[in-house]
Every structure is written in C-alpha cells, then in structure tokens.
C-alpha cells in the first residue's frame, strides 16, 4: 500500500515513514526536499498519485511543538 506522508522529512514524519517500511508498507515522503510545496500545490498532484492514503505530519509537528512549549 502506498502511503504519502506530507512532512515526511520532519521529526514525526520521518518516524512515520520508517515505521511504515517496517510493516511492509510503501511510505512516500512529500516535502519541500522532494519537490512538494503544500502552500502552492507544486508537485502535490504527482506526489499523491496512486496513493491509498495521505498522512499529514507537517502540522502534527507544529501542534506537538506548540503543546510542548505551553506545558
């Protein structure tokens, strides 16, 4: 199964991609480093083509940091 992880090079996203691989799933990184810009949409259509699931880890990282700082 192909699962695209937006923000897949970040702290949380990279762990998600690694764990997907450990379970025999295809984790595909979608980030600025791989030519995907979620603000402009550049490269996004190609990144999610043939994907069964799209996971958004980019905002999860921001929310995690915000909660950690406020604790």
N, C-alpha and C. Protein backbone atom coordinates (compact mmCIF):
# COMPACT_ATOMS: atom_id res chain seq x y z
N UNK A 1 0.85 -1.17 0.00
CA UNK A 1 0.00 0.00 0.00
C UNK A 1 0.89 1.24 0.00
N UNK A 2 0.57 2.17 -0.86
CA UNK A 2 1.34 3.42 -0.98
C UNK A 2 0.72 4.48 -0.06
N UNK A 3 1.51 4.97 0.89
CA UNK A 3 1.05 6.00 1.82
C UNK A 3 1.98 7.20 1.72
N UNK A 4 1.42 8.33 1.33
CA UNK A 4 2.20 9.56 1.20
C UNK A 4 2.19 10.28 2.53
N UNK A 5 3.37 10.67 3.00
CA UNK A 5 3.50 11.37 4.27
C UNK A 5 3.96 12.80 3.98
N UNK A 6 3.03 13.75 4.11
CA UNK A 6 3.38 15.15 3.92
C UNK A 6 4.16 15.58 5.16
N UNK A 7 5.34 16.15 4.95
CA UNK A 7 6.21 16.48 6.06
C UNK A 7 7.04 15.28 6.49
N UNK A 8 7.26 14.37 5.57
CA UNK A 8 7.94 13.11 5.87
C UNK A 8 9.41 13.20 6.19
N UNK A 9 9.99 14.39 6.11
CA UNK A 9 11.40 14.54 6.50
C UNK A 9 11.54 15.15 7.89
N UNK A 10 10.44 15.55 8.49
CA UNK A 10 10.48 16.16 9.82
C UNK A 10 10.60 15.13 10.92
N UNK A 11 10.58 15.60 12.15
CA UNK A 11 10.75 14.75 13.32
C UNK A 11 9.71 13.63 13.38
N UNK A 12 8.45 13.99 13.29
CA UNK A 12 7.38 12.99 13.37
C UNK A 12 7.23 12.25 12.04
N UNK A 13 7.21 12.98 10.94
CA UNK A 13 7.01 12.36 9.63
C UNK A 13 8.06 11.33 9.28
N UNK A 14 9.31 11.59 9.61
CA UNK A 14 10.37 10.62 9.29
C UNK A 14 10.18 9.33 10.09
N UNK A 15 9.68 9.44 11.31
CA UNK A 15 9.39 8.25 12.11
C UNK A 15 8.22 7.47 11.52
N UNK A 16 7.22 8.19 11.04
CA UNK A 16 6.07 7.54 10.40
C UNK A 16 6.53 6.76 9.17
N UNK A 17 7.34 7.39 8.33
CA UNK A 17 7.83 6.73 7.11
C UNK A 17 8.64 5.48 7.47
N UNK A 18 9.49 5.59 8.47
CA UNK A 18 10.31 4.44 8.89
C UNK A 18 9.42 3.31 9.37
N UNK A 19 8.44 3.63 10.20
CA UNK A 19 7.55 2.60 10.75
C UNK A 19 6.71 1.94 9.66
N UNK A 20 6.29 2.72 8.68
CA UNK A 20 5.55 2.14 7.56
C UNK A 20 6.39 1.08 6.86
N UNK A 21 7.66 1.42 6.61
CA UNK A 21 8.57 0.48 5.97
C UNK A 21 8.76 -0.79 6.80
N UNK A 22 8.83 -0.63 8.10
CA UNK A 22 8.98 -1.78 9.00
C UNK A 22 7.79 -2.73 8.91
N UNK A 23 6.64 -2.20 8.52
CA UNK A 23 5.43 -3.01 8.41
C UNK A 23 5.12 -3.40 6.97
N UNK A 24 6.11 -3.25 6.09
CA UNK A 24 5.96 -3.67 4.71
C UNK A 24 5.12 -2.76 3.84
N UNK A 25 4.92 -1.53 4.27
CA UNK A 25 4.14 -0.56 3.51
C UNK A 25 5.08 0.43 2.82
N UNK A 26 4.62 1.02 1.74
CA UNK A 26 5.42 1.99 0.99
C UNK A 26 5.13 3.39 1.50
N UNK A 27 6.05 3.94 2.30
CA UNK A 27 5.92 5.30 2.78
C UNK A 27 6.64 6.25 1.84
N UNK A 28 5.91 7.16 1.23
CA UNK A 28 6.47 8.11 0.27
C UNK A 28 6.53 9.48 0.91
N UNK A 29 7.70 10.08 0.92
CA UNK A 29 7.90 11.40 1.53
C UNK A 29 7.44 12.49 0.57
N UNK A 30 6.62 13.40 1.07
CA UNK A 30 6.23 14.60 0.32
C UNK A 30 6.63 15.80 1.16
N UNK A 31 7.66 16.51 0.70
CA UNK A 31 8.16 17.67 1.43
C UNK A 31 8.84 18.61 0.45
N UNK A 32 9.25 19.75 0.95
CA UNK A 32 9.99 20.67 0.09
C UNK A 32 11.24 20.01 -0.47
N UNK A 33 11.86 19.14 0.33
CA UNK A 33 13.08 18.43 -0.11
C UNK A 33 12.81 17.51 -1.30
N UNK A 34 11.57 17.04 -1.44
CA UNK A 34 11.24 16.15 -2.56
C UNK A 34 10.45 16.86 -3.64
N UNK A 35 10.39 18.20 -3.57
CA UNK A 35 9.74 18.98 -4.62
C UNK A 35 8.25 19.20 -4.42
N UNK A 36 7.76 18.98 -3.20
CA UNK A 36 6.33 19.17 -2.92
C UNK A 36 6.16 20.39 -2.02
N UNK A 37 5.40 21.36 -2.51
CA UNK A 37 5.12 22.56 -1.74
C UNK A 37 3.62 22.58 -1.46
N UNK A 38 3.24 22.34 -0.21
CA UNK A 38 1.82 22.26 0.12
C UNK A 38 1.14 23.62 0.12
N UNK A 39 1.90 24.69 0.19
CA UNK A 39 1.30 26.03 0.15
C UNK A 39 0.90 26.42 -1.27
N UNK A 40 1.77 26.12 -2.23
CA UNK A 40 1.49 26.48 -3.62
C UNK A 40 0.86 25.34 -4.39
N UNK A 41 0.99 24.12 -3.88
CA UNK A 41 0.47 22.94 -4.58
C UNK A 41 1.46 22.35 -5.56
N UNK A 42 2.61 22.98 -5.71
CA UNK A 42 3.63 22.48 -6.65
C UNK A 42 4.06 21.07 -6.28
N UNK A 43 3.96 20.15 -7.24
CA UNK A 43 4.39 18.78 -7.05
C UNK A 43 3.43 17.90 -6.26
N UNK A 44 2.36 18.48 -5.75
CA UNK A 44 1.44 17.74 -4.88
C UNK A 44 0.66 16.67 -5.65
N UNK A 45 0.16 17.01 -6.82
CA UNK A 45 -0.64 16.05 -7.61
C UNK A 45 0.19 14.80 -7.93
N UNK A 46 1.43 15.00 -8.33
CA UNK A 46 2.28 13.86 -8.64
C UNK A 46 2.59 13.03 -7.40
N UNK A 47 2.77 13.71 -6.27
CA UNK A 47 3.12 13.01 -5.03
C UNK A 47 2.00 12.11 -4.55
N UNK A 48 0.76 12.54 -4.70
CA UNK A 48 -0.36 11.76 -4.18
C UNK A 48 -0.98 10.82 -5.21
N UNK A 49 -0.48 10.87 -6.44
CA UNK A 49 -0.98 9.96 -7.47
C UNK A 49 -0.75 8.52 -7.02
N UNK A 50 -1.74 7.70 -7.18
CA UNK A 50 -1.69 6.27 -6.85
C UNK A 50 -1.56 6.01 -5.34
N UNK A 51 -1.78 7.03 -4.52
CA UNK A 51 -1.69 6.84 -3.06
C UNK A 51 -3.02 6.30 -2.53
N UNK A 52 -2.93 5.33 -1.64
CA UNK A 52 -4.12 4.82 -0.98
C UNK A 52 -4.48 5.72 0.20
N UNK A 53 -3.45 6.32 0.81
CA UNK A 53 -3.63 7.16 2.00
C UNK A 53 -2.67 8.33 1.93
N UNK A 54 -3.11 9.49 2.41
CA UNK A 54 -2.23 10.64 2.57
C UNK A 54 -2.24 11.01 4.05
N UNK A 55 -1.05 11.01 4.66
CA UNK A 55 -0.91 11.37 6.08
C UNK A 55 -0.26 12.75 6.15
N UNK A 56 -0.82 13.63 6.95
CA UNK A 56 -0.30 14.99 7.06
C UNK A 56 0.44 15.11 8.39
N UNK A 57 1.76 14.96 8.33
CA UNK A 57 2.58 15.02 9.54
C UNK A 57 3.19 16.39 9.76
N UNK A 58 3.10 17.25 8.78
CA UNK A 58 3.70 18.58 8.86
C UNK A 58 3.06 19.41 9.97
N UNK A 59 1.74 19.48 10.01
CA UNK A 59 1.06 20.26 11.04
C UNK A 59 1.10 19.55 12.38
N UNK A 60 1.17 18.24 12.36
CA UNK A 60 1.27 17.49 13.62
C UNK A 60 2.52 17.92 14.37
N UNK A 61 3.60 18.14 13.64
CA UNK A 61 4.85 18.59 14.26
C UNK A 61 4.67 19.96 14.89
N UNK A 62 4.04 20.86 14.19
CA UNK A 62 3.82 22.21 14.73
C UNK A 62 2.93 22.18 15.97
N UNK A 63 1.88 21.37 15.93
CA UNK A 63 0.98 21.26 17.08
C UNK A 63 1.71 20.65 18.26
N UNK A 64 2.55 19.64 18.01
CA UNK A 64 3.31 19.00 19.07
C UNK A 64 4.24 20.01 19.74
N UNK A 65 4.93 20.81 18.95
CA UNK A 65 5.84 21.80 19.50
C UNK A 65 5.09 22.86 20.30
N UNK A 66 3.94 23.27 19.80
CA UNK A 66 3.15 24.29 20.48
C UNK A 66 2.67 23.77 21.84
N UNK A 67 2.19 22.54 21.88
CA UNK A 67 1.74 21.95 23.14
C UNK A 67 2.91 21.79 24.10
N UNK A 68 4.06 21.35 23.60
CA UNK A 68 5.23 21.14 24.44
C UNK A 68 5.71 22.46 25.06
N UNK A 69 5.66 23.52 24.28
CA UNK A 69 6.12 24.82 24.78
C UNK A 69 5.16 25.39 25.80
N UNK A 70 3.87 25.08 25.67
CA UNK A 70 2.87 25.62 26.57
C UNK A 70 2.73 24.80 27.85
N UNK A 71 3.37 23.65 27.90
CA UNK A 71 3.24 22.77 29.08
C UNK A 71 4.11 23.23 30.21
